[in-house]
Amino acid sequence: MATAGETGSAEKILLAILKQRPQTPGLPASLIKLAKAFHQAGHLENWKRYRDLIRRRYPDSVEAGIISRMNAPAENHS
């Protein structure tokens, strides 16, 4: 969903899962896909929010390492 540009729908679903079952297998991977979608779209605040969430909730995960190495998207000055 997130990679197809439907970040709003994906975000609602993932936040519901995060709230009810934060240890669901695959959730960190899904959250990083959402973060990457925001990153690619240049949505800096949303990307930062998910970067911080992943690093805080899943500090020892592979996803936390991946997202920590990602640079912030360039801000659009159009």
N, C-alpha and C. Protein backbone atom coordinates (compact mmCIF):
# COMPACT_ATOMS: atom_id res chain seq x y z
N MET A 1 0.82 -1.19 0.00
CA MET A 1 0.00 0.00 0.00
C MET A 1 0.86 1.26 0.00
N ALA A 2 1.80 1.34 0.93
CA ALA A 2 2.59 2.57 1.07
C ALA A 2 3.42 2.84 -0.17
N THR A 3 3.96 1.79 -0.78
CA THR A 3 4.79 2.01 -1.94
C THR A 3 3.96 2.41 -3.15
N ALA A 4 2.67 2.15 -3.12
CA ALA A 4 1.80 2.53 -4.24
C ALA A 4 1.26 3.94 -4.06
N GLY A 5 1.73 4.64 -3.05
CA GLY A 5 1.29 6.01 -2.84
C GLY A 5 0.09 6.16 -1.93
N GLU A 6 -0.39 5.07 -1.36
CA GLU A 6 -1.54 5.12 -0.47
C GLU A 6 -1.05 5.15 0.98
N THR A 7 -0.21 6.12 1.28
CA THR A 7 0.39 6.17 2.61
C THR A 7 -0.64 6.39 3.71
N GLY A 8 -1.71 7.13 3.43
CA GLY A 8 -2.73 7.38 4.43
C GLY A 8 -3.39 6.11 4.92
N SER A 9 -3.78 5.25 4.00
CA SER A 9 -4.41 3.98 4.37
C SER A 9 -3.44 3.07 5.10
N ALA A 10 -2.23 2.99 4.59
CA ALA A 10 -1.22 2.14 5.22
C ALA A 10 -0.91 2.63 6.62
N GLU A 11 -0.82 3.94 6.77
CA GLU A 11 -0.51 4.53 8.06
C GLU A 11 -1.59 4.18 9.09
N LYS A 12 -2.85 4.30 8.72
CA LYS A 12 -3.95 3.98 9.65
C LYS A 12 -3.89 2.52 10.10
N ILE A 13 -3.67 1.63 9.15
CA ILE A 13 -3.62 0.20 9.47
C ILE A 13 -2.44 -0.11 10.38
N LEU A 14 -1.27 0.40 10.03
CA LEU A 14 -0.08 0.10 10.81
C LEU A 14 -0.14 0.70 12.21
N LEU A 15 -0.69 1.89 12.34
CA LEU A 15 -0.81 2.48 13.67
C LEU A 15 -1.79 1.70 14.55
N ALA A 16 -2.84 1.16 13.95
CA ALA A 16 -3.78 0.33 14.71
C ALA A 16 -3.10 -0.95 15.19
N ILE A 17 -2.31 -1.57 14.33
CA ILE A 17 -1.58 -2.78 14.72
C ILE A 17 -0.56 -2.43 15.80
N LEU A 18 0.15 -1.33 15.62
CA LEU A 18 1.16 -0.91 16.59
C LEU A 18 0.54 -0.70 17.97
N LYS A 19 -0.63 -0.12 18.00
CA LYS A 19 -1.31 0.15 19.27
C LYS A 19 -1.78 -1.14 19.94
N GLN A 20 -2.34 -2.08 19.16
CA GLN A 20 -2.93 -3.28 19.73
C GLN A 20 -1.95 -4.43 19.89
N ARG A 21 -1.01 -4.55 18.96
CA ARG A 21 -0.08 -5.68 18.98
C ARG A 21 1.31 -5.23 18.50
N PRO A 22 2.02 -4.47 19.33
CA PRO A 22 3.30 -3.90 18.89
C PRO A 22 4.39 -4.93 18.58
N GLN A 23 4.24 -6.15 19.06
CA GLN A 23 5.26 -7.17 18.80
C GLN A 23 4.89 -8.08 17.64
N THR A 24 3.94 -7.66 16.82
CA THR A 24 3.54 -8.45 15.66
C THR A 24 4.75 -8.66 14.74
N PRO A 25 5.04 -9.92 14.38
CA PRO A 25 6.15 -10.17 13.47
C PRO A 25 5.94 -9.40 12.15
N GLY A 26 6.98 -8.81 11.67
CA GLY A 26 6.90 -8.08 10.42
C GLY A 26 6.49 -6.62 10.55
N LEU A 27 6.07 -6.21 11.74
CA LEU A 27 5.65 -4.82 11.91
C LEU A 27 6.79 -3.83 11.70
N PRO A 28 7.98 -4.07 12.25
CA PRO A 28 9.07 -3.13 11.96
C PRO A 28 9.38 -3.02 10.46
N ALA A 29 9.31 -4.13 9.74
CA ALA A 29 9.55 -4.10 8.30
C ALA A 29 8.47 -3.30 7.59
N SER A 30 7.24 -3.43 8.03
CA SER A 30 6.15 -2.66 7.42
C SER A 30 6.29 -1.17 7.74
N LEU A 31 6.69 -0.86 8.95
CA LEU A 31 6.88 0.54 9.33
C LEU A 31 8.02 1.18 8.53
N ILE A 32 9.07 0.40 8.27
CA ILE A 32 10.15 0.98 7.49
C ILE A 32 9.73 1.19 6.04
N LYS A 33 8.88 0.34 5.52
CA LYS A 33 8.36 0.57 4.16
C LYS A 33 7.56 1.86 4.11
N LEU A 34 6.77 2.11 5.13
CA LEU A 34 6.00 3.34 5.20
C LEU A 34 6.94 4.54 5.31
N ALA A 35 7.95 4.42 6.18
CA ALA A 35 8.92 5.51 6.33
C ALA A 35 9.63 5.79 5.01
N LYS A 36 10.00 4.73 4.30
CA LYS A 36 10.68 4.90 3.00
C LYS A 36 9.76 5.58 1.98
N ALA A 37 8.47 5.26 2.03
CA ALA A 37 7.52 5.91 1.12
C ALA A 37 7.46 7.41 1.40
N PHE A 38 7.42 7.78 2.66
CA PHE A 38 7.44 9.20 3.01
C PHE A 38 8.77 9.83 2.61
N HIS A 39 9.85 9.10 2.79
CA HIS A 39 11.18 9.58 2.43
C HIS A 39 11.24 9.87 0.93
N GLN A 40 10.78 8.92 0.13
CA GLN A 40 10.80 9.08 -1.33
C GLN A 40 9.91 10.23 -1.79
N ALA A 41 8.83 10.46 -1.07
CA ALA A 41 7.92 11.55 -1.43
C ALA A 41 8.42 12.90 -0.92
N GLY A 42 9.49 12.88 -0.12
CA GLY A 42 10.04 14.12 0.40
C GLY A 42 9.28 14.68 1.60
N HIS A 43 8.49 13.85 2.26
CA HIS A 43 7.72 14.28 3.42
C HIS A 43 8.59 14.14 4.68
N LEU A 44 9.37 15.17 4.93
CA LEU A 44 10.38 15.15 5.98
C LEU A 44 9.82 14.88 7.37
N GLU A 45 8.76 15.56 7.75
CA GLU A 45 8.22 15.39 9.11
C GLU A 45 7.68 13.98 9.34
N ASN A 46 6.97 13.44 8.36
CA ASN A 46 6.45 12.07 8.51
C ASN A 46 7.58 11.07 8.56
N TRP A 47 8.59 11.25 7.71
CA TRP A 47 9.73 10.35 7.71
C TRP A 47 10.43 10.40 9.07
N LYS A 48 10.66 11.58 9.60
CA LYS A 48 11.32 11.71 10.91
C LYS A 48 10.51 11.02 12.00
N ARG A 49 9.18 11.18 11.95
CA ARG A 49 8.32 10.57 12.96
C ARG A 49 8.47 9.05 12.96
N TYR A 50 8.45 8.45 11.77
CA TYR A 50 8.58 6.99 11.69
C TYR A 50 10.00 6.53 11.96
N ARG A 51 11.00 7.31 11.57
CA ARG A 51 12.39 6.99 11.89
C ARG A 51 12.54 6.90 13.40
N ASP A 52 12.04 7.91 14.09
CA ASP A 52 12.16 7.95 15.55
C ASP A 52 11.35 6.84 16.21
N LEU A 53 10.17 6.57 15.69
CA LEU A 53 9.33 5.50 16.24
C LEU A 53 10.03 4.15 16.12
N ILE A 54 10.57 3.87 14.96
CA ILE A 54 11.25 2.58 14.74
C ILE A 54 12.46 2.47 15.66
N ARG A 55 13.25 3.52 15.75
CA ARG A 55 14.45 3.48 16.59
C ARG A 55 14.10 3.36 18.07
N ARG A 56 12.98 3.97 18.49
CA ARG A 56 12.57 3.93 19.90
C ARG A 56 11.92 2.59 20.26
N ARG A 57 11.01 2.11 19.43
CA ARG A 57 10.25 0.88 19.75
C ARG A 57 11.02 -0.40 19.45
N TYR A 58 11.88 -0.35 18.43
CA TYR A 58 12.59 -1.55 17.99
C TYR A 58 14.08 -1.26 17.86
N PRO A 59 14.74 -0.82 18.95
CA PRO A 59 16.13 -0.35 18.86
C PRO A 59 17.13 -1.40 18.40
N ASP A 60 16.86 -2.66 18.65
CA ASP A 60 17.80 -3.72 18.28
C ASP A 60 17.46 -4.40 16.96
N SER A 61 16.47 -3.86 16.25
CA SER A 61 16.04 -4.49 15.00
C SER A 61 16.93 -4.08 13.83
N VAL A 62 16.90 -4.90 12.82
CA VAL A 62 17.61 -4.59 11.57
C VAL A 62 17.06 -3.28 10.99
N GLU A 63 15.75 -3.10 11.10
CA GLU A 63 15.10 -1.91 10.55
C GLU A 63 15.60 -0.63 11.22
N ALA A 64 15.86 -0.67 12.53
CA ALA A 64 16.39 0.50 13.22
C ALA A 64 17.76 0.87 12.67
N GLY A 65 18.56 -0.13 12.38
CA GLY A 65 19.86 0.12 11.79
C GLY A 65 19.76 0.71 10.40
N ILE A 66 18.84 0.17 9.61
CA ILE A 66 18.66 0.65 8.23
C ILE A 66 18.20 2.10 8.23
N ILE A 67 17.18 2.39 9.01
CA ILE A 67 16.63 3.74 8.97
C ILE A 67 17.58 4.76 9.59
N SER A 68 18.41 4.32 10.51
CA SER A 68 19.39 5.24 11.10
C SER A 68 20.45 5.64 10.08
N ARG A 69 20.68 4.80 9.09
CA ARG A 69 21.67 5.11 8.06
C ARG A 69 21.10 5.92 6.91
N MET A 70 19.78 6.07 6.86
CA MET A 70 19.16 6.85 5.78
C MET A 70 19.32 8.34 6.05
N ASN A 71 19.62 9.08 5.01
CA ASN A 71 19.70 10.53 5.13
C ASN A 71 18.31 11.12 5.05
N ALA A 72 18.12 12.25 5.66
CA ALA A 72 16.84 12.96 5.56
C ALA A 72 16.61 13.36 4.12
N PRO A 73 15.38 13.28 3.65
CA PRO A 73 15.09 13.71 2.28
C PRO A 73 15.31 15.22 2.14
N ALA A 74 15.72 15.60 0.96
CA ALA A 74 15.92 17.03 0.70
C ALA A 74 14.58 17.74 0.75
N GLU A 75 14.57 18.91 1.36
CA GLU A 75 13.33 19.67 1.42
C GLU A 75 13.07 20.29 0.06
N ASN A 76 11.81 20.29 -0.32
CA ASN A 76 11.40 20.86 -1.60
C ASN A 76 11.23 22.36 -1.43
N HIS A 77 12.03 23.15 -2.15
CA HIS A 77 11.97 24.60 -2.06
C HIS A 77 11.31 25.20 -3.29
N SER A 78 10.29 24.56 -3.85
CA SER A 78 9.61 25.09 -5.03
C SER A 78 8.63 26.16 -4.66
